[in-house]
N, C-alpha and C. Protein backbone atom coordinates (compact mmCIF):
# COMPACT_ATOMS: atom_id res chain seq x y z
N MET A 1 -0.44 23.08 -23.19
CA MET A 1 0.38 22.21 -22.40
C MET A 1 0.86 21.05 -23.27
N ILE A 2 2.15 20.81 -23.27
CA ILE A 2 2.73 19.71 -24.04
C ILE A 2 2.85 18.50 -23.12
N PRO A 3 2.24 17.34 -23.54
CA PRO A 3 2.35 16.14 -22.71
C PRO A 3 3.81 15.69 -22.59
N SER A 4 4.09 14.97 -21.54
CA SER A 4 5.46 14.53 -21.30
C SER A 4 5.90 13.51 -22.35
N LEU A 5 7.18 13.44 -22.56
CA LEU A 5 7.76 12.49 -23.50
C LEU A 5 7.50 11.05 -23.05
N ILE A 6 7.51 10.84 -21.75
CA ILE A 6 7.27 9.50 -21.21
C ILE A 6 5.84 9.06 -21.52
N LEU A 7 4.86 9.96 -21.34
CA LEU A 7 3.47 9.64 -21.64
C LEU A 7 3.29 9.34 -23.12
N ARG A 8 3.86 10.16 -23.98
CA ARG A 8 3.72 9.96 -25.42
C ARG A 8 4.38 8.65 -25.86
N THR A 9 5.51 8.33 -25.25
CA THR A 9 6.21 7.10 -25.62
C THR A 9 5.45 5.86 -25.16
N SER A 10 4.92 5.91 -23.97
CA SER A 10 4.24 4.73 -23.43
C SER A 10 2.79 4.60 -23.89
N ALA A 11 2.19 5.66 -24.40
CA ALA A 11 0.77 5.62 -24.76
C ALA A 11 0.48 4.61 -25.86
N ARG A 12 1.36 4.49 -26.82
CA ARG A 12 1.14 3.53 -27.91
C ARG A 12 1.15 2.10 -27.41
N SER A 13 2.14 1.77 -26.60
CA SER A 13 2.21 0.40 -26.06
C SER A 13 1.04 0.13 -25.13
N LEU A 14 0.70 1.11 -24.30
CA LEU A 14 -0.42 0.92 -23.39
C LEU A 14 -1.75 0.80 -24.13
N LEU A 15 -1.87 1.48 -25.26
CA LEU A 15 -3.08 1.34 -26.07
C LEU A 15 -3.28 -0.11 -26.48
N VAL A 16 -2.23 -0.72 -26.99
CA VAL A 16 -2.31 -2.11 -27.43
C VAL A 16 -2.58 -3.05 -26.26
N LEU A 17 -1.85 -2.86 -25.17
CA LEU A 17 -2.03 -3.72 -24.00
C LEU A 17 -3.42 -3.60 -23.40
N LEU A 18 -3.92 -2.39 -23.26
CA LEU A 18 -5.26 -2.20 -22.70
C LEU A 18 -6.34 -2.75 -23.61
N LEU A 19 -6.16 -2.62 -24.93
CA LEU A 19 -7.14 -3.19 -25.85
C LEU A 19 -7.15 -4.72 -25.78
N LEU A 20 -5.97 -5.33 -25.68
CA LEU A 20 -5.90 -6.79 -25.53
C LEU A 20 -6.54 -7.23 -24.22
N PHE A 21 -6.28 -6.50 -23.16
CA PHE A 21 -6.87 -6.86 -21.86
C PHE A 21 -8.39 -6.66 -21.90
N SER A 22 -8.85 -5.65 -22.62
CA SER A 22 -10.30 -5.44 -22.71
C SER A 22 -10.97 -6.59 -23.45
N VAL A 23 -10.32 -7.12 -24.47
CA VAL A 23 -10.88 -8.28 -25.18
C VAL A 23 -10.86 -9.51 -24.27
N PHE A 24 -9.80 -9.67 -23.48
CA PHE A 24 -9.75 -10.76 -22.52
C PHE A 24 -10.91 -10.67 -21.53
N GLU A 25 -11.15 -9.48 -21.01
CA GLU A 25 -12.27 -9.29 -20.07
C GLU A 25 -13.61 -9.57 -20.74
N LEU A 26 -13.74 -9.18 -21.99
CA LEU A 26 -14.97 -9.43 -22.74
C LEU A 26 -15.20 -10.93 -22.88
N LEU A 27 -14.18 -11.68 -23.26
CA LEU A 27 -14.35 -13.10 -23.51
C LEU A 27 -14.55 -13.92 -22.25
N ARG A 28 -13.96 -13.51 -21.15
CA ARG A 28 -14.14 -14.30 -19.94
C ARG A 28 -15.39 -13.88 -19.17
N GLY A 29 -16.00 -12.79 -19.56
CA GLY A 29 -17.08 -12.20 -18.77
C GLY A 29 -18.37 -12.97 -18.74
N HIS A 30 -18.63 -13.79 -19.75
CA HIS A 30 -19.91 -14.51 -19.70
C HIS A 30 -19.82 -15.74 -18.81
N ASN A 31 -18.63 -16.09 -18.33
CA ASN A 31 -18.47 -17.20 -17.39
C ASN A 31 -17.97 -16.74 -16.02
N ASP A 32 -17.24 -15.65 -15.97
CA ASP A 32 -16.63 -15.13 -14.75
C ASP A 32 -16.93 -13.63 -14.67
N PRO A 33 -16.55 -12.97 -13.57
CA PRO A 33 -16.74 -11.51 -13.52
C PRO A 33 -16.00 -10.81 -14.65
N GLY A 34 -16.62 -9.80 -15.18
CA GLY A 34 -16.09 -9.08 -16.33
C GLY A 34 -17.19 -8.96 -17.36
N GLY A 35 -16.85 -8.91 -18.59
CA GLY A 35 -17.85 -8.88 -19.65
C GLY A 35 -17.76 -7.63 -20.48
N GLY A 36 -18.85 -7.38 -21.20
CA GLY A 36 -18.88 -6.29 -22.15
C GLY A 36 -18.73 -4.92 -21.53
N PHE A 37 -19.30 -4.71 -20.36
CA PHE A 37 -19.24 -3.38 -19.76
C PHE A 37 -17.82 -3.04 -19.33
N ILE A 38 -17.20 -3.93 -18.59
CA ILE A 38 -15.83 -3.68 -18.12
C ILE A 38 -14.86 -3.65 -19.30
N GLY A 39 -15.03 -4.55 -20.24
CA GLY A 39 -14.18 -4.56 -21.42
C GLY A 39 -14.30 -3.27 -22.22
N GLY A 40 -15.52 -2.77 -22.38
CA GLY A 40 -15.73 -1.51 -23.09
C GLY A 40 -15.11 -0.34 -22.37
N LEU A 41 -15.19 -0.33 -21.04
CA LEU A 41 -14.55 0.75 -20.27
C LEU A 41 -13.03 0.70 -20.39
N LEU A 42 -12.47 -0.50 -20.40
CA LEU A 42 -11.02 -0.62 -20.56
C LEU A 42 -10.58 -0.14 -21.94
N ALA A 43 -11.34 -0.49 -22.97
CA ALA A 43 -11.00 -0.03 -24.32
C ALA A 43 -11.13 1.49 -24.41
N ALA A 44 -12.16 2.05 -23.80
CA ALA A 44 -12.32 3.50 -23.80
C ALA A 44 -11.19 4.17 -23.03
N ALA A 45 -10.74 3.55 -21.96
CA ALA A 45 -9.60 4.09 -21.21
C ALA A 45 -8.34 4.10 -22.06
N ALA A 46 -8.18 3.08 -22.88
CA ALA A 46 -7.01 3.02 -23.77
C ALA A 46 -7.01 4.18 -24.75
N PHE A 47 -8.15 4.43 -25.38
CA PHE A 47 -8.24 5.54 -26.33
C PHE A 47 -8.18 6.89 -25.62
N SER A 48 -8.70 6.95 -24.41
CA SER A 48 -8.63 8.20 -23.64
C SER A 48 -7.19 8.54 -23.27
N LEU A 49 -6.44 7.54 -22.90
CA LEU A 49 -5.02 7.76 -22.60
C LEU A 49 -4.28 8.22 -23.85
N TYR A 50 -4.59 7.63 -24.97
CA TYR A 50 -3.97 8.03 -26.23
C TYR A 50 -4.34 9.48 -26.56
N ALA A 51 -5.62 9.84 -26.33
CA ALA A 51 -6.06 11.21 -26.58
C ALA A 51 -5.37 12.19 -25.63
N LEU A 52 -5.12 11.77 -24.42
CA LEU A 52 -4.42 12.62 -23.46
C LEU A 52 -2.98 12.87 -23.91
N ALA A 53 -2.36 11.84 -24.48
CA ALA A 53 -0.96 11.95 -24.90
C ALA A 53 -0.80 12.70 -26.22
N TYR A 54 -1.70 12.46 -27.18
CA TYR A 54 -1.52 12.99 -28.53
C TYR A 54 -2.58 13.99 -28.96
N GLY A 55 -3.70 14.05 -28.27
CA GLY A 55 -4.79 14.92 -28.66
C GLY A 55 -5.98 14.11 -29.14
N VAL A 56 -7.12 14.78 -29.24
CA VAL A 56 -8.36 14.11 -29.60
C VAL A 56 -8.37 13.69 -31.06
N ASP A 57 -7.91 14.54 -31.96
CA ASP A 57 -7.94 14.21 -33.38
C ASP A 57 -7.10 12.98 -33.72
N PRO A 58 -5.87 12.86 -33.21
CA PRO A 58 -5.13 11.62 -33.46
C PRO A 58 -5.80 10.38 -32.84
N ALA A 59 -6.44 10.53 -31.70
CA ALA A 59 -7.14 9.40 -31.09
C ALA A 59 -8.34 8.98 -31.94
N ARG A 60 -9.04 9.96 -32.50
CA ARG A 60 -10.15 9.64 -33.39
C ARG A 60 -9.66 8.95 -34.65
N ALA A 61 -8.47 9.36 -35.13
CA ALA A 61 -7.90 8.72 -36.32
C ALA A 61 -7.53 7.27 -36.03
N VAL A 62 -7.04 6.99 -34.83
CA VAL A 62 -6.72 5.61 -34.46
C VAL A 62 -7.99 4.79 -34.33
N LEU A 63 -9.05 5.37 -33.79
CA LEU A 63 -10.33 4.67 -33.66
C LEU A 63 -10.94 4.37 -35.03
N ARG A 64 -10.78 5.27 -35.98
CA ARG A 64 -11.22 5.14 -37.38
C ARG A 64 -12.72 5.27 -37.60
N LEU A 65 -13.52 5.12 -36.59
CA LEU A 65 -14.97 5.28 -36.72
C LEU A 65 -15.43 6.35 -35.75
N HIS A 66 -16.53 6.99 -36.09
CA HIS A 66 -17.12 7.95 -35.16
C HIS A 66 -17.68 7.17 -33.97
N PRO A 67 -17.53 7.69 -32.77
CA PRO A 67 -18.04 6.97 -31.60
C PRO A 67 -19.53 6.64 -31.67
N LEU A 68 -20.33 7.50 -32.29
CA LEU A 68 -21.76 7.18 -32.42
C LEU A 68 -21.98 5.98 -33.33
N THR A 69 -21.15 5.81 -34.33
CA THR A 69 -21.24 4.65 -35.21
C THR A 69 -20.92 3.38 -34.43
N VAL A 70 -19.91 3.44 -33.56
CA VAL A 70 -19.55 2.29 -32.74
C VAL A 70 -20.70 1.94 -31.79
N ALA A 71 -21.28 2.95 -31.14
CA ALA A 71 -22.38 2.72 -30.21
C ALA A 71 -23.62 2.18 -30.93
N GLY A 72 -23.90 2.73 -32.10
CA GLY A 72 -25.05 2.24 -32.88
C GLY A 72 -24.86 0.81 -33.34
N ALA A 73 -23.65 0.46 -33.76
CA ALA A 73 -23.38 -0.93 -34.14
C ALA A 73 -23.55 -1.85 -32.94
N GLY A 74 -23.14 -1.39 -31.77
CA GLY A 74 -23.31 -2.19 -30.57
C GLY A 74 -24.77 -2.44 -30.23
N LEU A 75 -25.60 -1.40 -30.43
CA LEU A 75 -27.04 -1.60 -30.19
C LEU A 75 -27.63 -2.62 -31.15
N LEU A 76 -27.20 -2.57 -32.40
CA LEU A 76 -27.68 -3.55 -33.38
C LEU A 76 -27.24 -4.96 -33.04
N VAL A 77 -25.99 -5.12 -32.62
CA VAL A 77 -25.47 -6.44 -32.26
C VAL A 77 -26.22 -6.98 -31.04
N ALA A 78 -26.43 -6.15 -30.04
CA ALA A 78 -27.15 -6.59 -28.83
C ALA A 78 -28.60 -6.96 -29.15
N ALA A 79 -29.24 -6.16 -30.00
CA ALA A 79 -30.62 -6.47 -30.38
C ALA A 79 -30.68 -7.76 -31.20
N ALA A 80 -29.69 -7.97 -32.07
CA ALA A 80 -29.66 -9.20 -32.86
C ALA A 80 -29.47 -10.43 -31.97
N ALA A 81 -28.66 -10.28 -30.93
CA ALA A 81 -28.45 -11.39 -29.99
C ALA A 81 -29.76 -11.74 -29.28
N GLY A 82 -30.52 -10.73 -28.93
CA GLY A 82 -31.80 -10.99 -28.28
C GLY A 82 -32.83 -11.54 -29.24
N ALA A 83 -32.80 -11.07 -30.48
CA ALA A 83 -33.79 -11.50 -31.47
C ALA A 83 -33.51 -12.92 -31.97
N ALA A 84 -32.30 -13.41 -31.82
CA ALA A 84 -31.98 -14.76 -32.28
C ALA A 84 -32.86 -15.80 -31.59
N ALA A 85 -33.19 -15.55 -30.34
CA ALA A 85 -34.07 -16.48 -29.62
C ALA A 85 -35.48 -16.46 -30.17
N LEU A 86 -35.93 -15.30 -30.68
CA LEU A 86 -37.28 -15.22 -31.25
C LEU A 86 -37.42 -16.12 -32.46
N VAL A 87 -36.35 -16.26 -33.22
CA VAL A 87 -36.38 -17.11 -34.41
C VAL A 87 -36.62 -18.57 -34.02
N ARG A 88 -36.11 -18.96 -32.88
CA ARG A 88 -36.29 -20.34 -32.41
C ARG A 88 -37.54 -20.53 -31.55
N GLY A 89 -38.37 -19.49 -31.46
CA GLY A 89 -39.60 -19.59 -30.70
C GLY A 89 -39.45 -19.37 -29.21
N GLU A 90 -38.32 -18.87 -28.78
CA GLU A 90 -38.06 -18.60 -27.36
C GLU A 90 -38.38 -17.13 -27.07
N SER A 91 -38.30 -16.77 -25.79
CA SER A 91 -38.50 -15.38 -25.39
C SER A 91 -37.29 -14.55 -25.79
N PHE A 92 -37.52 -13.23 -25.97
CA PHE A 92 -36.44 -12.30 -26.30
C PHE A 92 -35.34 -12.37 -25.25
N LEU A 93 -34.10 -12.41 -25.68
CA LEU A 93 -32.89 -12.48 -24.85
C LEU A 93 -32.70 -13.81 -24.13
N THR A 94 -33.39 -14.85 -24.56
CA THR A 94 -33.11 -16.18 -24.02
C THR A 94 -31.77 -16.64 -24.58
N GLY A 95 -30.92 -17.18 -23.72
CA GLY A 95 -29.59 -17.60 -24.14
C GLY A 95 -29.64 -18.83 -25.01
N LEU A 96 -28.95 -18.78 -26.13
CA LEU A 96 -28.80 -19.92 -27.03
C LEU A 96 -27.33 -20.30 -27.02
N TRP A 97 -27.04 -21.59 -26.86
CA TRP A 97 -25.66 -22.04 -26.68
C TRP A 97 -25.24 -22.94 -27.83
N TYR A 98 -24.02 -22.71 -28.32
CA TYR A 98 -23.41 -23.61 -29.28
C TYR A 98 -22.95 -24.84 -28.51
N PRO A 99 -23.19 -26.04 -29.03
CA PRO A 99 -22.94 -27.24 -28.20
C PRO A 99 -21.49 -27.50 -27.82
N ASP A 100 -20.53 -27.15 -28.68
CA ASP A 100 -19.13 -27.46 -28.41
C ASP A 100 -18.36 -26.19 -28.04
N PRO A 101 -17.57 -26.23 -26.96
CA PRO A 101 -16.76 -25.05 -26.62
C PRO A 101 -15.63 -24.84 -27.62
N LEU A 102 -15.29 -23.59 -27.86
CA LEU A 102 -14.18 -23.27 -28.76
C LEU A 102 -12.90 -23.11 -27.95
N PRO A 103 -11.78 -23.57 -28.47
CA PRO A 103 -10.53 -23.43 -27.72
C PRO A 103 -10.17 -21.96 -27.50
N GLY A 104 -9.81 -21.63 -26.28
CA GLY A 104 -9.42 -20.27 -25.94
C GLY A 104 -10.57 -19.35 -25.61
N ILE A 105 -11.77 -19.67 -26.06
CA ILE A 105 -12.93 -18.82 -25.81
C ILE A 105 -13.87 -19.48 -24.82
N GLY A 106 -14.09 -20.76 -24.98
CA GLY A 106 -15.02 -21.48 -24.12
C GLY A 106 -16.36 -21.64 -24.81
N LYS A 107 -17.40 -21.57 -24.02
CA LYS A 107 -18.76 -21.75 -24.54
C LYS A 107 -19.18 -20.49 -25.31
N VAL A 108 -19.66 -20.70 -26.52
CA VAL A 108 -20.12 -19.59 -27.35
C VAL A 108 -21.65 -19.59 -27.32
N SER A 109 -22.20 -18.41 -27.09
CA SER A 109 -23.64 -18.32 -26.99
C SER A 109 -24.11 -16.94 -27.42
N SER A 110 -25.41 -16.78 -27.42
CA SER A 110 -25.96 -15.46 -27.70
C SER A 110 -25.63 -14.48 -26.57
N VAL A 111 -25.29 -15.01 -25.41
CA VAL A 111 -24.88 -14.16 -24.30
C VAL A 111 -23.56 -13.46 -24.64
N LEU A 112 -22.64 -14.18 -25.25
CA LEU A 112 -21.38 -13.59 -25.67
C LEU A 112 -21.61 -12.53 -26.75
N VAL A 113 -22.51 -12.80 -27.68
CA VAL A 113 -22.83 -11.82 -28.72
C VAL A 113 -23.44 -10.57 -28.10
N PHE A 114 -24.31 -10.77 -27.12
CA PHE A 114 -24.89 -9.63 -26.41
C PHE A 114 -23.80 -8.83 -25.71
N ASP A 115 -22.83 -9.53 -25.08
CA ASP A 115 -21.71 -8.85 -24.42
C ASP A 115 -20.89 -8.03 -25.41
N VAL A 116 -20.71 -8.54 -26.61
CA VAL A 116 -19.99 -7.78 -27.65
C VAL A 116 -20.76 -6.49 -27.96
N GLY A 117 -22.08 -6.59 -28.03
CA GLY A 117 -22.89 -5.40 -28.25
C GLY A 117 -22.74 -4.39 -27.13
N VAL A 118 -22.76 -4.86 -25.89
CA VAL A 118 -22.58 -3.98 -24.74
C VAL A 118 -21.20 -3.34 -24.79
N TYR A 119 -20.18 -4.12 -25.12
CA TYR A 119 -18.81 -3.63 -25.26
C TYR A 119 -18.77 -2.45 -26.23
N LEU A 120 -19.38 -2.61 -27.39
CA LEU A 120 -19.35 -1.55 -28.39
C LEU A 120 -20.15 -0.32 -27.96
N VAL A 121 -21.29 -0.53 -27.31
CA VAL A 121 -22.09 0.60 -26.83
C VAL A 121 -21.32 1.40 -25.78
N VAL A 122 -20.72 0.70 -24.82
CA VAL A 122 -19.96 1.39 -23.77
C VAL A 122 -18.75 2.11 -24.36
N LEU A 123 -18.05 1.45 -25.28
CA LEU A 123 -16.89 2.07 -25.91
C LEU A 123 -17.29 3.33 -26.67
N GLY A 124 -18.31 3.24 -27.50
CA GLY A 124 -18.74 4.39 -28.29
C GLY A 124 -19.27 5.53 -27.45
N THR A 125 -20.08 5.22 -26.46
CA THR A 125 -20.66 6.27 -25.61
C THR A 125 -19.60 6.96 -24.77
N THR A 126 -18.71 6.18 -24.18
CA THR A 126 -17.66 6.77 -23.35
C THR A 126 -16.73 7.64 -24.18
N LEU A 127 -16.35 7.15 -25.36
CA LEU A 127 -15.45 7.95 -26.20
C LEU A 127 -16.14 9.20 -26.73
N LEU A 128 -17.43 9.14 -26.98
CA LEU A 128 -18.14 10.34 -27.40
C LEU A 128 -18.06 11.40 -26.29
N ILE A 129 -18.23 10.98 -25.05
CA ILE A 129 -18.14 11.91 -23.93
C ILE A 129 -16.71 12.46 -23.81
N VAL A 130 -15.73 11.57 -23.87
CA VAL A 130 -14.33 11.99 -23.69
C VAL A 130 -13.91 12.93 -24.82
N PHE A 131 -14.25 12.58 -26.07
CA PHE A 131 -13.86 13.42 -27.19
C PHE A 131 -14.58 14.77 -27.16
N THR A 132 -15.82 14.77 -26.71
CA THR A 132 -16.55 16.02 -26.60
C THR A 132 -15.94 16.92 -25.52
N LEU A 133 -15.60 16.32 -24.39
CA LEU A 133 -14.96 17.09 -23.34
C LEU A 133 -13.57 17.56 -23.74
N GLY A 134 -12.94 16.84 -24.68
CA GLY A 134 -11.65 17.25 -25.20
C GLY A 134 -11.76 18.51 -26.04
N GLY A 135 -12.96 18.85 -26.46
CA GLY A 135 -13.22 20.11 -27.15
C GLY A 135 -12.97 20.11 -28.64
N GLU A 136 -12.69 18.97 -29.21
CA GLU A 136 -12.41 18.93 -30.63
C GLU A 136 -13.39 18.05 -31.40
N GLU A 137 -14.56 17.82 -30.84
CA GLU A 137 -15.59 17.00 -31.50
C GLU A 137 -16.19 17.77 -32.66
N GLU A 138 -16.52 17.05 -33.73
CA GLU A 138 -17.14 17.68 -34.89
C GLU A 138 -18.56 18.10 -34.58
């Protein structure tokens, strides 16, 4: 089955827009509803739409990393965010806050770093499932 010309034409623009919106959801999530999980699902939806329009192999080429590598990096980032509190003598996953908010991002903390880890885990795991179901996984 050949995807429609409209889908192929719009998939590139939608990939960029959905990825930008996923980062927006990630950054606002530690203060408002959203966060790493929703942001990761939006990013996975962007790559899934691209895979639907062009195929799994081109979508993997756009991703540039194997989905398991992305998920593994996310686990390391989330664990590092939790371990940062241990260095200061606090309990694991205790939130540590930078005193001054950054423009456009707001308050930066270990909670945001943990959300980035969740984002990567959800993105990698979801894309592994989607690419495997696409039938062209290595």
